[in-house]
Amino acid sequence: MRISEVIKPPTPEQQRIKTMQAQVRQAQQRVKQERIRQQQVKLNQQRSKVASV
């Protein structure tokens, strides 16, 4: 690997792709967290039903 290859900044197209990939990863994390949150809400509702019976 040459030093010029390491120092060379990414092209605008490459930077755009990296940005989009980062946004996808963040969106996937948010979806995962939302699913977990919804599961916890559902479990808490089931627990409260069992506790009230």
Foldseek 3Di string as FASTA:
>chain_A
DDPCVVPDDDDPVVVVVVVVVVVVVVVVVVVVVVVVVVVVVVVVVVVVVVVVD
